[in-house]
């Protein structure tokens, strides 16, 4: 389950902003295991991974477009900006890790 932390202390914040560091070869092994599992197990494996990493059991993979649109429209403008910022940070971090390879 995902832990939500509101207003972390300076020590908590320092720990939270640390990125996991894996050697490229280790990262490739983990990624390959996920890909292989999904290739072999399809939706069943995706559901298992969701339970393992997110602590959530799901019955279906696909979320209807109308549900996604409705959820997006219900978001506060500041939250939308924060999500876009997080997306940019994740993209930049991922690209930086890939380029170091």
PDB file of N, CA and C in Angstrom:
ATOM      1  N   UNK A   1       0.840  -1.170   0.000  1.00  0.00           N
ATOM      2  CA  UNK A   1       0.000   0.000   0.000  1.00  0.00           C
ATOM      3  C   UNK A   1       0.892   1.242   0.000  1.00  0.00           C
ATOM      4  N   UNK A   2       0.452   2.268  -0.648  1.00  0.00           N
ATOM      5  CA  UNK A   2       1.207   3.506  -0.740  1.00  0.00           C
ATOM      6  C   UNK A   2       1.013   4.307   0.536  1.00  0.00           C
ATOM      7  N   UNK A   3       2.110   4.744   1.126  1.00  0.00           N
ATOM      8  CA  UNK A   3       2.052   5.567   2.329  1.00  0.00           C
ATOM      9  C   UNK A   3       2.004   7.031   1.912  1.00  0.00           C
ATOM     10  N   UNK A   4       1.054   7.764   2.447  1.00  0.00           N
ATOM     11  CA  UNK A   4       0.928   9.191   2.162  1.00  0.00           C
ATOM     12  C   UNK A   4       1.508   9.957   3.337  1.00  0.00           C
ATOM     13  N   UNK A   5       2.431  10.854   3.054  1.00  0.00           N
ATOM     14  CA  UNK A   5       3.085  11.639   4.102  1.00  0.00           C
ATOM     15  C   UNK A   5       2.802  13.106   3.842  1.00  0.00           C
ATOM     16  N   UNK A   6       2.147  13.737   4.790  1.00  0.00           N
ATOM     17  CA  UNK A   6       1.837  15.164   4.683  1.00  0.00           C
ATOM     18  C   UNK A   6       2.877  15.956   5.461  1.00  0.00           C
ATOM     19  N   UNK A   7       3.374  16.990   4.847  1.00  0.00           N
ATOM     20  CA  UNK A   7       4.341  17.900   5.455  1.00  0.00           C
ATOM     21  C   UNK A   7       5.470  17.146   6.166  1.00  0.00           C
ATOM     22  N   UNK A   8       6.305  16.475   5.393  1.00  0.00           N
ATOM     23  CA  UNK A   8       7.397  15.707   6.008  1.00  0.00           C
ATOM     24  C   UNK A   8       8.406  16.618   6.692  1.00  0.00           C
ATOM     25  N   UNK A   9       9.029  16.075   7.716  1.00  0.00           N
ATOM     26  CA  UNK A   9      10.103  16.799   8.393  1.00  0.00           C
ATOM     27  C   UNK A   9      11.286  16.899   7.436  1.00  0.00           C
ATOM     28  N   UNK A  10      12.251  17.781   7.726  1.00  0.00           N
ATOM     29  CA  UNK A  10      13.425  17.877   6.842  1.00  0.00           C
ATOM     30  C   UNK A  10      14.140  16.532   6.656  1.00  0.00           C
ATOM     31  N   UNK A  11      14.241  15.736   7.727  1.00  0.00           N
ATOM     32  CA  UNK A  11      14.899  14.427   7.602  1.00  0.00           C
ATOM     33  C   UNK A  11      14.076  13.477   6.744  1.00  0.00           C
ATOM     34  N   UNK A  12      12.743  13.479   6.936  1.00  0.00           N
ATOM     35  CA  UNK A  12      11.882  12.635   6.111  1.00  0.00           C
ATOM     36  C   UNK A  12      11.969  13.061   4.648  1.00  0.00           C
ATOM     37  N   UNK A  13      11.962  14.362   4.409  1.00  0.00           N
ATOM     38  CA  UNK A  13      11.996  14.869   3.040  1.00  0.00           C
ATOM     39  C   UNK A  13      13.282  14.445   2.341  1.00  0.00           C
ATOM     40  N   UNK A  14      14.394  14.544   3.055  1.00  0.00           N
ATOM     41  CA  UNK A  14      15.679  14.154   2.474  1.00  0.00           C
ATOM     42  C   UNK A  14      15.650  12.674   2.058  1.00  0.00           C
ATOM     43  N   UNK A  15      15.077  11.840   2.921  1.00  0.00           N
ATOM     44  CA  UNK A  15      14.987  10.417   2.616  1.00  0.00           C
ATOM     45  C   UNK A  15      14.013  10.177   1.459  1.00  0.00           C
ATOM     46  N   UNK A  16      12.893  10.888   1.434  1.00  0.00           N
ATOM     47  CA  UNK A  16      11.880  10.698   0.401  1.00  0.00           C
ATOM     48  C   UNK A  16      12.371  11.073  -0.992  1.00  0.00           C
ATOM     49  N   UNK A  17      13.213  12.094  -1.075  1.00  0.00           N
ATOM     50  CA  UNK A  17      13.630  12.545  -2.399  1.00  0.00           C
ATOM     51  C   UNK A  17      14.803  11.756  -2.975  1.00  0.00           C
ATOM     52  N   UNK A  18      15.348  10.830  -2.191  1.00  0.00           N
ATOM     53  CA  UNK A  18      16.420   9.983  -2.705  1.00  0.00           C
ATOM     54  C   UNK A  18      15.862   9.025  -3.746  1.00  0.00           C
ATOM     55  N   UNK A  19      16.563   8.876  -4.835  1.00  0.00           N
ATOM     56  CA  UNK A  19      16.168   7.968  -5.908  1.00  0.00           C
ATOM     57  C   UNK A  19      16.916   6.652  -5.730  1.00  0.00           C
ATOM     58  N   UNK A  20      16.235   5.546  -5.982  1.00  0.00           N
ATOM     59  CA  UNK A  20      16.940   4.268  -5.895  1.00  0.00           C
ATOM     60  C   UNK A  20      18.041   4.209  -6.958  1.00  0.00           C
ATOM     61  N   UNK A  21      19.142   3.656  -6.588  1.00  0.00           N
ATOM     62  CA  UNK A  21      20.272   3.554  -7.506  1.00  0.00           C
ATOM     63  C   UNK A  21      20.539   2.082  -7.800  1.00  0.00           C
ATOM     64  N   UNK A  22      20.428   1.728  -9.061  1.00  0.00           N
ATOM     65  CA  UNK A  22      20.746   0.384  -9.512  1.00  0.00           C
ATOM     66  C   UNK A  22      21.782   0.472 -10.614  1.00  0.00           C
ATOM     67  N   UNK A  23      22.652  -0.493 -10.611  1.00  0.00           N
ATOM     68  CA  UNK A  23      23.583  -0.599 -11.725  1.00  0.00           C
ATOM     69  C   UNK A  23      22.760  -0.925 -12.970  1.00  0.00           C
ATOM     70  N   UNK A  24      23.251  -0.504 -14.115  1.00  0.00           N
ATOM     71  CA  UNK A  24      22.515  -0.737 -15.361  1.00  0.00           C
ATOM     72  C   UNK A  24      22.204  -2.218 -15.547  1.00  0.00           C
ATOM     73  N   UNK A  25      23.156  -3.073 -15.280  1.00  0.00           N
ATOM     74  CA  UNK A  25      22.929  -4.506 -15.480  1.00  0.00           C
ATOM     75  C   UNK A  25      21.846  -5.021 -14.536  1.00  0.00           C
ATOM     76  N   UNK A  26      21.825  -4.535 -13.272  1.00  0.00           N
ATOM     77  CA  UNK A  26      20.788  -4.937 -12.329  1.00  0.00           C
ATOM     78  C   UNK A  26      19.423  -4.447 -12.776  1.00  0.00           C
ATOM     79  N   UNK A  27      19.376  -3.212 -13.262  1.00  0.00           N
ATOM     80  CA  UNK A  27      18.124  -2.631 -13.727  1.00  0.00           C
ATOM     81  C   UNK A  27      17.592  -3.426 -14.919  1.00  0.00           C
ATOM     82  N   UNK A  28      18.477  -3.798 -15.816  1.00  0.00           N
ATOM     83  CA  UNK A  28      18.064  -4.553 -16.993  1.00  0.00           C
ATOM     84  C   UNK A  28      17.487  -5.912 -16.601  1.00  0.00           C
ATOM     85  N   UNK A  29      18.050  -6.535 -15.582  1.00  0.00           N
ATOM     86  CA  UNK A  29      17.555  -7.834 -15.119  1.00  0.00           C
ATOM     87  C   UNK A  29      16.138  -7.684 -14.565  1.00  0.00           C
ATOM     88  N   UNK A  30      15.927  -6.679 -13.730  1.00  0.00           N
ATOM     89  CA  UNK A  30      14.599  -6.447 -13.149  1.00  0.00           C
ATOM     90  C   UNK A  30      13.579  -6.151 -14.248  1.00  0.00           C
ATOM     91  N   UNK A  31      13.935  -5.277 -15.156  1.00  0.00           N
ATOM     92  CA  UNK A  31      13.024  -4.916 -16.250  1.00  0.00           C
ATOM     93  C   UNK A  31      12.726  -6.131 -17.119  1.00  0.00           C
ATOM     94  N   UNK A  32      13.731  -6.912 -17.427  1.00  0.00           N
ATOM     95  CA  UNK A  32      13.525  -8.096 -18.263  1.00  0.00           C
ATOM     96  C   UNK A  32      12.595  -9.098 -17.587  1.00  0.00           C
ATOM     97  N   UNK A  33      12.724  -9.253 -16.270  1.00  0.00           N
ATOM     98  CA  UNK A  33      11.837 -10.168 -15.538  1.00  0.00           C
ATOM     99  C   UNK A  33      10.383  -9.700 -15.645  1.00  0.00           C
ATOM    100  N   UNK A  34      10.172  -8.394 -15.527  1.00  0.00           N
ATOM    101  CA  UNK A  34       8.814  -7.856 -15.647  1.00  0.00           C
ATOM    102  C   UNK A  34       8.288  -8.098 -17.055  1.00  0.00           C
ATOM    103  N   UNK A  35       9.080  -7.755 -18.062  1.00  0.00           N
ATOM    104  CA  UNK A  35       8.662  -7.966 -19.455  1.00  0.00           C
ATOM    105  C   UNK A  35       8.353  -9.445 -19.723  1.00  0.00           C
ATOM    106  N   UNK A  36       9.243 -10.325 -19.285  1.00  0.00           N
ATOM    107  CA  UNK A  36       9.036 -11.752 -19.520  1.00  0.00           C
ATOM    108  C   UNK A  36       7.774 -12.244 -18.816  1.00  0.00           C
ATOM    109  N   UNK A  37       7.569 -11.792 -17.611  1.00  0.00           N
ATOM    110  CA  UNK A  37       6.376 -12.193 -16.864  1.00  0.00           C
ATOM    111  C   UNK A  37       5.102 -11.759 -17.554  1.00  0.00           C
ATOM    112  N   UNK A  38       5.105 -10.524 -18.061  1.00  0.00           N
ATOM    113  CA  UNK A  38       3.920 -10.024 -18.761  1.00  0.00           C
ATOM    114  C   UNK A  38       3.746 -10.747 -20.092  1.00  0.00           C
ATOM    115  N   UNK A  39       4.843 -11.004 -20.792  1.00  0.00           N
ATOM    116  CA  UNK A  39       4.756 -11.717 -22.071  1.00  0.00           C
ATOM    117  C   UNK A  39       4.165 -13.114 -21.878  1.00  0.00           C
ATOM    118  N   UNK A  40       4.530 -13.754 -20.772  1.00  0.00           N
ATOM    119  CA  UNK A  40       4.035 -15.109 -20.512  1.00  0.00           C
ATOM    120  C   UNK A  40       2.653 -15.105 -19.862  1.00  0.00           C
ATOM    121  N   UNK A  41       2.427 -14.169 -18.944  1.00  0.00           N
ATOM    122  CA  UNK A  41       1.197 -14.212 -18.153  1.00  0.00           C
ATOM    123  C   UNK A  41       0.130 -13.212 -18.532  1.00  0.00           C
ATOM    124  N   UNK A  42       0.459 -12.276 -19.442  1.00  0.00           N
ATOM    125  CA  UNK A  42      -0.523 -11.302 -19.912  1.00  0.00           C
ATOM    126  C   UNK A  42      -1.202 -10.529 -18.796  1.00  0.00           C
ATOM    127  N   UNK A  43      -2.519 -10.372 -18.916  1.00  0.00           N
ATOM    128  CA  UNK A  43      -3.285  -9.607 -17.935  1.00  0.00           C
ATOM    129  C   UNK A  43      -3.166 -10.198 -16.531  1.00  0.00           C
ATOM    130  N   UNK A  44      -3.097 -11.527 -16.442  1.00  0.00           N
ATOM    131  CA  UNK A  44      -2.946 -12.172 -15.137  1.00  0.00           C
ATOM    132  C   UNK A  44      -1.690 -11.653 -14.436  1.00  0.00           C
ATOM    133  N   UNK A  45      -0.587 -11.558 -15.169  1.00  0.00           N
ATOM    134  CA  UNK A  45       0.673 -11.082 -14.586  1.00  0.00           C
ATOM    135  C   UNK A  45       0.584  -9.603 -14.225  1.00  0.00           C
ATOM    136  N   UNK A  46      -0.067  -8.810 -15.080  1.00  0.00           N
ATOM    137  CA  UNK A  46      -0.240  -7.386 -14.759  1.00  0.00           C
ATOM    138  C   UNK A  46      -1.020  -7.217 -13.465  1.00  0.00           C
ATOM    139  N   UNK A  47      -2.051  -8.020 -13.289  1.00  0.00           N
ATOM    140  CA  UNK A  47      -2.841  -7.964 -12.058  1.00  0.00           C
ATOM    141  C   UNK A  47      -1.995  -8.380 -10.849  1.00  0.00           C
ATOM    142  N   UNK A  48      -1.174  -9.409 -11.028  1.00  0.00           N
ATOM    143  CA  UNK A  48      -0.303  -9.879  -9.949  1.00  0.00           C
ATOM    144  C   UNK A  48       0.727  -8.815  -9.575  1.00  0.00           C
ATOM    145  N   UNK A  49       1.295  -8.159 -10.582  1.00  0.00           N
ATOM    146  CA  UNK A  49       2.268  -7.094 -10.313  1.00  0.00           C
ATOM    147  C   UNK A  49       1.612  -5.907  -9.624  1.00  0.00           C
ATOM    148  N   UNK A  50       0.386  -5.587 -10.009  1.00  0.00           N
ATOM    149  CA  UNK A  50      -0.347  -4.498  -9.364  1.00  0.00           C
ATOM    150  C   UNK A  50      -0.568  -4.821  -7.895  1.00  0.00           C
ATOM    151  N   UNK A  51      -0.926  -6.056  -7.615  1.00  0.00           N
ATOM    152  CA  UNK A  51      -1.115  -6.465  -6.219  1.00  0.00           C
ATOM    153  C   UNK A  51       0.211  -6.411  -5.460  1.00  0.00           C
ATOM    154  N   UNK A  52       1.276  -6.897  -6.101  1.00  0.00           N
ATOM    155  CA  UNK A  52       2.590  -6.944  -5.447  1.00  0.00           C
ATOM    156  C   UNK A  52       3.132  -5.549  -5.146  1.00  0.00           C
ATOM    157  N   UNK A  53       3.119  -4.664  -6.140  1.00  0.00           N
ATOM    158  CA  UNK A  53       3.759  -3.362  -5.984  1.00  0.00           C
ATOM    159  C   UNK A  53       2.847  -2.266  -5.451  1.00  0.00           C
ATOM    160  N   UNK A  54       1.543  -2.364  -5.738  1.00  0.00           N
ATOM    161  CA  UNK A  54       0.617  -1.325  -5.307  1.00  0.00           C
ATOM    162  C   UNK A  54      -0.286  -1.772  -4.163  1.00  0.00           C
ATOM    163  N   UNK A  55      -0.287  -3.068  -3.869  1.00  0.00           N
ATOM    164  CA  UNK A  55      -1.130  -3.571  -2.800  1.00  0.00           C
ATOM    165  C   UNK A  55      -2.610  -3.518  -3.131  1.00  0.00           C
ATOM    166  N   UNK A  56      -2.943  -3.575  -4.422  1.00  0.00           N
ATOM    167  CA  UNK A  56      -4.328  -3.448  -4.868  1.00  0.00           C
ATOM    168  C   UNK A  56      -4.680  -4.628  -5.763  1.00  0.00           C
ATOM    169  N   UNK A  57      -5.854  -5.218  -5.500  1.00  0.00           N
ATOM    170  CA  UNK A  57      -6.354  -6.267  -6.385  1.00  0.00           C
ATOM    171  C   UNK A  57      -7.317  -5.632  -7.374  1.00  0.00           C
ATOM    172  N   UNK A  58      -7.065  -5.856  -8.660  1.00  0.00           N
ATOM    173  CA  UNK A  58      -7.933  -5.295  -9.691  1.00  0.00           C
ATOM    174  C   UNK A  58      -8.555  -6.434 -10.493  1.00  0.00           C
ATOM    175  N   UNK A  59      -9.765  -6.173 -10.997  1.00  0.00           N
ATOM    176  CA  UNK A  59     -10.443  -7.215 -11.767  1.00  0.00           C
ATOM    177  C   UNK A  59     -10.258  -7.016 -13.271  1.00  0.00           C
ATOM    178  N   UNK A  60      -9.960  -5.794 -13.674  1.00  0.00           N
ATOM    179  CA  UNK A  60      -9.770  -5.520 -15.095  1.00  0.00           C
ATOM    180  C   UNK A  60      -8.629  -4.515 -15.262  1.00  0.00           C
ATOM    181  N   UNK A  61      -7.978  -4.578 -16.404  1.00  0.00           N
ATOM    182  CA  UNK A  61      -6.844  -3.703 -16.682  1.00  0.00           C
ATOM    183  C   UNK A  61      -7.301  -2.372 -17.268  1.00  0.00           C
ATOM    184  N   UNK A  62      -8.230  -2.424 -18.189  1.00  0.00           N
ATOM    185  CA  UNK A  62      -8.636  -1.237 -18.924  1.00  0.00           C
ATOM    186  C   UNK A  62      -9.603  -0.363 -18.117  1.00  0.00           C
ATOM    187  N   UNK A  63      -9.296   0.920 -18.072  1.00  0.00           N
ATOM    188  CA  UNK A  63     -10.183   1.901 -17.438  1.00  0.00           C
ATOM    189  C   UNK A  63     -10.929   2.608 -18.562  1.00  0.00           C
ATOM    190  N   UNK A  64     -12.256   2.634 -18.497  1.00  0.00           N
ATOM    191  CA  UNK A  64     -13.013   3.283 -19.569  1.00  0.00           C
ATOM    192  C   UNK A  64     -12.621   4.756 -19.740  1.00  0.00           C
ATOM    193  N   UNK A  65     -12.554   5.195 -20.994  1.00  0.00           N
ATOM    194  CA  UNK A  65     -12.164   6.576 -21.298  1.00  0.00           C
ATOM    195  C   UNK A  65     -13.033   7.577 -20.551  1.00  0.00           C
ATOM    196  N   UNK A  66     -14.322   7.313 -20.479  1.00  0.00           N
ATOM    197  CA  UNK A  66     -15.230   8.256 -19.805  1.00  0.00           C
ATOM    198  C   UNK A  66     -14.871   8.410 -18.333  1.00  0.00           C
ATOM    199  N   UNK A  67     -14.409   7.331 -17.706  1.00  0.00           N
ATOM    200  CA  UNK A  67     -13.999   7.392 -16.302  1.00  0.00           C
ATOM    201  C   UNK A  67     -12.714   8.205 -16.139  1.00  0.00           C
ATOM    202  N   UNK A  68     -11.779   8.013 -17.048  1.00  0.00           N
ATOM    203  CA  UNK A  68     -10.528   8.780 -17.015  1.00  0.00           C
ATOM    204  C   UNK A  68     -10.820  10.265 -17.221  1.00  0.00           C
ATOM    205  N   UNK A  69     -11.633  10.586 -18.212  1.00  0.00           N
ATOM    206  CA  UNK A  69     -11.985  11.979 -18.498  1.00  0.00           C
ATOM    207  C   UNK A  69     -12.705  12.620 -17.330  1.00  0.00           C
ATOM    208  N   UNK A  70     -13.636  11.909 -16.740  1.00  0.00           N
ATOM    209  CA  UNK A  70     -14.379  12.430 -15.595  1.00  0.00           C
ATOM    210  C   UNK A  70     -13.448  12.710 -14.419  1.00  0.00           C
ATOM    211  N   UNK A  71     -12.525  11.789 -14.156  1.00  0.00           N
ATOM    212  CA  UNK A  71     -11.572  11.976 -13.059  1.00  0.00           C
ATOM    213  C   UNK A  71     -10.669  13.174 -13.327  1.00  0.00           C
ATOM    214  N   UNK A  72     -10.212  13.307 -14.572  1.00  0.00           N
ATOM    215  CA  UNK A  72      -9.344  14.437 -14.937  1.00  0.00           C
ATOM    216  C   UNK A  72     -10.076  15.769 -14.747  1.00  0.00           C
ATOM    217  N   UNK A  73     -11.307  15.822 -15.183  1.00  0.00           N
ATOM    218  CA  UNK A  73     -12.081  17.060 -15.081  1.00  0.00           C
ATOM    219  C   UNK A  73     -12.372  17.427 -13.630  1.00  0.00           C
ATOM    220  N   UNK A  74     -12.408  16.436 -12.750  1.00  0.00           N
ATOM    221  CA  UNK A  74     -12.696  16.690 -11.339  1.00  0.00           C
ATOM    222  C   UNK A  74     -11.475  17.181 -10.565  1.00  0.00           C
ATOM    223  N   UNK A  75     -10.288  17.090 -11.165  1.00  0.00           N
ATOM    224  CA  UNK A  75      -9.066  17.506 -10.474  1.00  0.00           C
ATOM    225  C   UNK A  75      -8.998  19.019 -10.291  1.00  0.00           C
ATOM    226  N   UNK A  76      -8.463  19.401  -9.157  1.00  0.00           N
ATOM    227  CA  UNK A  76      -8.184  20.798  -8.881  1.00  0.00           C
ATOM    228  C   UNK A  76      -7.070  21.276  -9.818  1.00  0.00           C
ATOM    229  N   UNK A  77      -7.133  22.527 -10.257  1.00  0.00           N
ATOM    230  CA  UNK A  77      -6.142  23.060 -11.203  1.00  0.00           C
ATOM    231  C   UNK A  77      -4.721  22.947 -10.655  1.00  0.00           C
ATOM    232  N   UNK A  78      -4.541  23.231  -9.364  1.00  0.00           N
ATOM    233  CA  UNK A  78      -3.202  23.130  -8.770  1.00  0.00           C
ATOM    234  C   UNK A  78      -2.698  21.688  -8.783  1.00  0.00           C
ATOM    235  N   UNK A  79      -3.608  20.746  -8.566  1.00  0.00           N
ATOM    236  CA  UNK A  79      -3.211  19.341  -8.595  1.00  0.00           C
ATOM    237  C   UNK A  79      -2.812  18.920 -10.001  1.00  0.00           C
ATOM    238  N   UNK A  80      -3.515  19.413 -11.007  1.00  0.00           N
ATOM    239  CA  UNK A  80      -3.151  19.114 -12.399  1.00  0.00           C
ATOM    240  C   UNK A  80      -1.731  19.611 -12.691  1.00  0.00           C
ATOM    241  N   UNK A  81      -1.431  20.808 -12.224  1.00  0.00           N
ATOM    242  CA  UNK A  81      -0.084  21.372 -12.423  1.00  0.00           C
ATOM    243  C   UNK A  81       0.955  20.506 -11.709  1.00  0.00           C
ATOM    244  N   UNK A  82       0.638  20.065 -10.481  1.00  0.00           N
ATOM    245  CA  UNK A  82       1.568  19.224  -9.721  1.00  0.00           C
ATOM    246  C   UNK A  82       1.794  17.893 -10.424  1.00  0.00           C
ATOM    247  N   UNK A  83       0.735  17.313 -10.979  1.00  0.00           N
ATOM    248  CA  UNK A  83       0.857  16.038 -11.689  1.00  0.00           C
ATOM    249  C   UNK A  83       1.719  16.206 -12.934  1.00  0.00           C
ATOM    250  N   UNK A  84       1.503  17.277 -13.673  1.00  0.00           N
ATOM    251  CA  UNK A  84       2.327  17.534 -14.867  1.00  0.00           C
ATOM    252  C   UNK A  84       3.790  17.731 -14.473  1.00  0.00           C
ATOM    253  N   UNK A  85       4.029  18.413 -13.348  1.00  0.00           N
ATOM    254  CA  UNK A  85       5.404  18.589 -12.863  1.00  0.00           C
ATOM    255  C   UNK A  85       6.031  17.260 -12.488  1.00  0.00           C
ATOM    256  N   UNK A  86       5.259  16.399 -11.809  1.00  0.00           N
ATOM    257  CA  UNK A  86       5.756  15.073 -11.434  1.00  0.00           C
ATOM    258  C   UNK A  86       6.072  14.251 -12.679  1.00  0.00           C
ATOM    259  N   UNK A  87       5.188  14.344 -13.676  1.00  0.00           N
ATOM    260  CA  UNK A  87       5.413  13.625 -14.937  1.00  0.00           C
ATOM    261  C   UNK A  87       6.728  14.075 -15.576  1.00  0.00           C
ATOM    262  N   UNK A  88       6.956  15.378 -15.600  1.00  0.00           N
ATOM    263  CA  UNK A  88       8.194  15.908 -16.190  1.00  0.00           C
ATOM    264  C   UNK A  88       9.406  15.420 -15.402  1.00  0.00           C
ATOM    265  N   UNK A  89       9.304  15.402 -14.073  1.00  0.00           N
ATOM    266  CA  UNK A  89      10.418  14.934 -13.241  1.00  0.00           C
ATOM    267  C   UNK A  89      10.718  13.461 -13.501  1.00  0.00           C
ATOM    268  N   UNK A  90       9.675  12.653 -13.608  1.00  0.00           N
ATOM    269  CA  UNK A  90       9.864  11.225 -13.859  1.00  0.00           C
ATOM    270  C   UNK A  90      10.490  11.008 -15.230  1.00  0.00           C
ATOM    271  N   UNK A  91       9.988  11.734 -16.220  1.00  0.00           N
ATOM    272  CA  UNK A  91      10.534  11.624 -17.574  1.00  0.00           C
ATOM    273  C   UNK A  91      12.006  12.020 -17.595  1.00  0.00           C
ATOM    274  N   UNK A  92      12.326  13.152 -16.970  1.00  0.00           N
ATOM    275  CA  UNK A  92      13.716  13.617 -16.945  1.00  0.00           C
ATOM    276  C   UNK A  92      14.621  12.639 -16.205  1.00  0.00           C
ATOM    277  N   UNK A  93      14.146  12.110 -15.076  1.00  0.00           N
ATOM    278  CA  UNK A  93      14.936  11.164 -14.296  1.00  0.00           C
ATOM    279  C   UNK A  93      15.189   9.888 -15.091  1.00  0.00           C
ATOM    280  N   UNK A  94      14.151   9.397 -15.745  1.00  0.00           N
ATOM    281  CA  UNK A  94      14.284   8.173 -16.544  1.00  0.00           C
ATOM    282  C   UNK A  94      15.239   8.379 -17.703  1.00  0.00           C
ATOM    283  N   UNK A  95      15.086   9.504 -18.399  1.00  0.00           N
ATOM    284  CA  UNK A  95      15.978   9.793 -19.521  1.00  0.00           C
ATOM    285  C   UNK A  95      17.425   9.945 -19.071  1.00  0.00           C
ATOM    286  N   UNK A  96      17.628  10.519 -17.876  1.00  0.00           N
ATOM    287  CA  UNK A  96      18.987  10.669 -17.358  1.00  0.00           C
ATOM    288  C   UNK A  96      19.595   9.304 -17.045  1.00  0.00           C
ATOM    289  N   UNK A  97      18.787   8.390 -16.494  1.00  0.00           N
ATOM    290  CA  UNK A  97      19.282   7.054 -16.195  1.00  0.00           C
ATOM    291  C   UNK A  97      19.614   6.294 -17.469  1.00  0.00           C
ATOM    292  N   UNK A  98      18.788   6.455 -18.478  1.00  0.00           N
ATOM    293  CA  UNK A  98      19.021   5.760 -19.747  1.00  0.00           C
ATOM    294  C   UNK A  98      20.273   6.295 -20.429  1.00  0.00           C
ATOM    295  N   UNK A  99      20.465   7.601 -20.400  1.00  0.00           N
ATOM    296  CA  UNK A  99      21.620   8.173 -21.094  1.00  0.00           C
ATOM    297  C   UNK A  99      22.942   7.842 -20.409  1.00  0.00           C
ATOM    298  N   UNK A 100      22.902   7.483 -19.121  1.00  0.00           N
ATOM    299  CA  UNK A 100      24.120   7.093 -18.407  1.00  0.00           C
ATOM    300  C   UNK A 100      24.561   5.685 -18.789  1.00  0.00           C
ATOM    301  N   UNK A 101      23.672   4.965 -19.423  1.00  0.00           N
ATOM    302  CA  UNK A 101      23.936   3.559 -19.740  1.00  0.00           C
ATOM    303  C   UNK A 101      25.024   3.401 -20.775  1.00  0.00           C
TER     304      UNK A 101
END
